[in-house]
Each structure stands twice: as structure tokens, then as C-alpha cells.
Amino acid sequence: MFAATALGILACMILAMARAVLGPTVYNRILAVNSFGTLTVLLIAVLGFMTGRPDFLDIALVYAFINFIGTIAVLKFIRYGDMGWPRNEPDEPQSDL
């Protein structure tokens, strides 16, 4: 049963990667990569149950957090053009009032 689940997840991962390559807009590609990451988390969890190693769930959770933060960072960069760090602009001259 777990082997069939793993094969189904792999099939969905292939479809998500195809959408990431063929997506008409950048947002479709980002969504596909995020879906691929989510499917990877599921695959790690299923493989952990198949092999009898429940510590794979910890690895899957860490990967899920990295996937979430990475997606938010990429979306912020695409929307604003930078990561929101302060720019090094020259100081304005102060008046003597």
C-alpha cells in the first residue's frame, strides 16, 4: 500500500515539474515548485513509514519549513525587487537651523 502511495506521489511530482518548466507565468512556476516541495515532504514521510524509520518525519518537517520560507522569499523578491533590506543611500545634508 505504501509503495503504491509512493508511486502516486512520484507521478504527481513529475506533473508538478512539468508545470514548473512549461508554466506560462512566473507565479505558475512558483506554485509548481512549492507543490513539488510539498510532495517531497509527503514522499519523505511515506518512505519513513515504509522503512520503519519514524525519524524521517523530523526531516520532512524541516524540509517543509524550508520550502515555506523559500517560497515566501521568492514571492517577496518578485513583487518588490529586493528582500526589503535597507539601502545604502548617501546621508542627506543636515541644516543648521
C-alpha atoms as a PDB file:
ATOM      1  CA  MET A   1       0.000   0.000   0.000  1.00  0.00           C
ATOM      2  CA  PHE A   2       2.826   2.410   0.831  1.00  0.00           C
ATOM      3  CA  ALA A   3       4.591   1.528  -2.423  1.00  0.00           C
ATOM      4  CA  ALA A   4       1.504   2.481  -4.437  1.00  0.00           C
ATOM      5  CA  THR A   5       1.277   5.727  -2.486  1.00  0.00           C
ATOM      6  CA  ALA A   6       4.940   6.493  -3.179  1.00  0.00           C
ATOM      7  CA  LEU A   7       4.442   5.833  -6.895  1.00  0.00           C
ATOM      8  CA  GLY A   8       1.384   8.101  -6.932  1.00  0.00           C
ATOM      9  CA  ILE A   9       3.356  10.864  -5.235  1.00  0.00           C
ATOM     10  CA  LEU A  10       6.196  10.426  -7.756  1.00  0.00           C
ATOM     11  CA  ALA A  11       3.699  10.727 -10.621  1.00  0.00           C
ATOM     12  CA  CYS A  12       2.352  13.953  -9.123  1.00  0.00           C
ATOM     13  CA  MET A  13       5.917  15.232  -8.699  1.00  0.00           C
ATOM     14  CA  ILE A  14       6.561  14.641 -12.398  1.00  0.00           C
ATOM     15  CA  LEU A  15       3.419  16.589 -13.278  1.00  0.00           C
ATOM     16  CA  ALA A  16       4.392  19.425 -10.940  1.00  0.00           C
ATOM     17  CA  MET A  17       7.851  19.611 -12.502  1.00  0.00           C
ATOM     18  CA  ALA A  18       6.294  19.721 -15.966  1.00  0.00           C
ATOM     19  CA  ARG A  19       4.166  22.669 -14.830  1.00  0.00           C
ATOM     20  CA  ALA A  20       7.261  24.364 -13.424  1.00  0.00           C
ATOM     21  CA  VAL A  21       9.011  24.065 -16.780  1.00  0.00           C
ATOM     22  CA  LEU A  22       6.017  24.842 -19.013  1.00  0.00           C
ATOM     23  CA  GLY A  23       4.131  27.315 -16.821  1.00  0.00           C
ATOM     24  CA  PRO A  24       3.035  30.405 -18.742  1.00  0.00           C
ATOM     25  CA  THR A  25       3.669  32.837 -15.864  1.00  0.00           C
ATOM     26  CA  VAL A  26       6.228  33.096 -13.107  1.00  0.00           C
ATOM     27  CA  TYR A  27       3.514  32.607 -10.485  1.00  0.00           C
ATOM     28  CA  ASN A  28       2.501  29.283 -12.057  1.00  0.00           C
ATOM     29  CA  ARG A  29       6.113  28.194 -11.880  1.00  0.00           C
ATOM     30  CA  ILE A  30       6.458  29.231  -8.242  1.00  0.00           C
ATOM     31  CA  LEU A  31       3.257  27.403  -7.339  1.00  0.00           C
ATOM     32  CA  ALA A  32       4.515  24.291  -9.137  1.00  0.00           C
ATOM     33  CA  VAL A  33       7.841  24.380  -7.293  1.00  0.00           C
ATOM     34  CA  ASN A  34       6.011  24.865  -3.997  1.00  0.00           C
ATOM     35  CA  SER A  35       3.763  21.897  -4.828  1.00  0.00           C
ATOM     36  CA  PHE A  36       6.846  19.868  -5.707  1.00  0.00           C
ATOM     37  CA  GLY A  37       8.300  20.690  -2.297  1.00  0.00           C
ATOM     38  CA  THR A  38       5.091  19.664  -0.553  1.00  0.00           C
ATOM     39  CA  LEU A  39       5.037  16.403  -2.467  1.00  0.00           C
ATOM     40  CA  THR A  40       8.665  15.844  -1.472  1.00  0.00           C
ATOM     41  CA  VAL A  41       7.668  16.221   2.178  1.00  0.00           C
ATOM     42  CA  LEU A  42       4.926  13.626   1.667  1.00  0.00           C
ATOM     43  CA  LEU A  43       7.333  11.282  -0.099  1.00  0.00           C
ATOM     44  CA  ILE A  44       9.869  11.546   2.731  1.00  0.00           C
ATOM     45  CA  ALA A  45       7.136  10.735   5.254  1.00  0.00           C
ATOM     46  CA  VAL A  46       5.907   7.738   3.248  1.00  0.00           C
ATOM     47  CA  LEU A  47       9.448   6.434   2.794  1.00  0.00           C
ATOM     48  CA  GLY A  48       9.960   6.782   6.544  1.00  0.00           C
ATOM     49  CA  PHE A  49       6.913   4.621   7.191  1.00  0.00           C
ATOM     50  CA  MET A  50       7.953   2.107   4.543  1.00  0.00           C
ATOM     51  CA  THR A  51      11.398   1.640   6.060  1.00  0.00           C
ATOM     52  CA  GLY A  52      10.204   1.769   9.669  1.00  0.00           C
ATOM     53  CA  ARG A  53      12.131   4.920  10.492  1.00  0.00           C
ATOM     54  CA  PRO A  54       9.774   7.482  12.032  1.00  0.00           C
ATOM     55  CA  ASP A  55      12.645   9.954  12.429  1.00  0.00           C
ATOM     56  CA  PHE A  56      12.140  10.762   8.743  1.00  0.00           C
ATOM     57  CA  LEU A  57       9.152  12.823   9.873  1.00  0.00           C
ATOM     58  CA  ASP A  58      11.541  15.258  11.543  1.00  0.00           C
ATOM     59  CA  ILE A  59      13.433  15.611   8.277  1.00  0.00           C
ATOM     60  CA  ALA A  60      10.143  16.114   6.435  1.00  0.00           C
ATOM     61  CA  LEU A  61       9.097  18.868   8.849  1.00  0.00           C
ATOM     62  CA  VAL A  62      12.388  20.708   8.454  1.00  0.00           C
ATOM     63  CA  TYR A  63      12.086  20.450   4.684  1.00  0.00           C
ATOM     64  CA  ALA A  64       8.510  21.785   4.888  1.00  0.00           C
ATOM     65  CA  PHE A  65       9.691  24.830   6.841  1.00  0.00           C
ATOM     66  CA  ILE A  66      12.495  25.481   4.359  1.00  0.00           C
ATOM     67  CA  ASN A  67      10.049  25.107   1.462  1.00  0.00           C
ATOM     68  CA  PHE A  68       7.610  27.590   3.032  1.00  0.00           C
ATOM     69  CA  ILE A  69      10.233  30.227   3.863  1.00  0.00           C
ATOM     70  CA  GLY A  70      11.838  29.860   0.431  1.00  0.00           C
ATOM     71  CA  THR A  71       8.525  30.338  -1.351  1.00  0.00           C
ATOM     72  CA  ILE A  72       7.717  33.453   0.674  1.00  0.00           C
ATOM     73  CA  ALA A  73      11.187  34.870  -0.007  1.00  0.00           C
ATOM     74  CA  VAL A  74      10.941  34.289  -3.763  1.00  0.00           C
ATOM     75  CA  LEU A  75       7.458  35.833  -3.928  1.00  0.00           C
ATOM     76  CA  LYS A  76       8.641  38.869  -1.958  1.00  0.00           C
ATOM     77  CA  PHE A  77      11.637  39.275  -4.243  1.00  0.00           C
ATOM     78  CA  ILE A  78       9.462  39.074  -7.362  1.00  0.00           C
ATOM     79  CA  ARG A  79       6.935  41.571  -6.030  1.00  0.00           C
ATOM     80  CA  TYR A  80       9.294  44.194  -4.586  1.00  0.00           C
ATOM     81  CA  GLY A  81      12.520  43.584  -6.478  1.00  0.00           C
ATOM     82  CA  ASP A  82      14.580  43.232  -3.310  1.00  0.00           C
ATOM     83  CA  MET A  83      14.409  41.462   0.015  1.00  0.00           C
ATOM     84  CA  GLY A  84      13.499  44.588   1.991  1.00  0.00           C
ATOM     85  CA  TRP A  85      16.948  45.291   3.367  1.00  0.00           C
ATOM     86  CA  PRO A  86      17.814  48.958   3.886  1.00  0.00           C
ATOM     87  CA  ARG A  87      19.624  50.532   1.012  1.00  0.00           C
ATOM     88  CA  ASN A  88      22.930  52.321   1.382  1.00  0.00           C
ATOM     89  CA  GLU A  89      21.835  55.774   0.305  1.00  0.00           C
ATOM     90  CA  PRO A  90      24.002  58.798   0.928  1.00  0.00           C
ATOM     91  CA  ASP A  91      23.077  60.771   4.005  1.00  0.00           C
ATOM     92  CA  GLU A  92      21.101  63.920   3.442  1.00  0.00           C
ATOM     93  CA  PRO A  93      22.837  67.117   4.465  1.00  0.00           C
ATOM     94  CA  GLN A  94      21.587  68.445   7.772  1.00  0.00           C
ATOM     95  CA  SER A  95      20.522  72.046   8.047  1.00  0.00           C
ATOM     96  CA  ASP A  96      21.971  74.385  10.668  1.00  0.00           C
ATOM     97  CA  LEU A  97      18.618  75.579  11.986  1.00  0.00           C
END
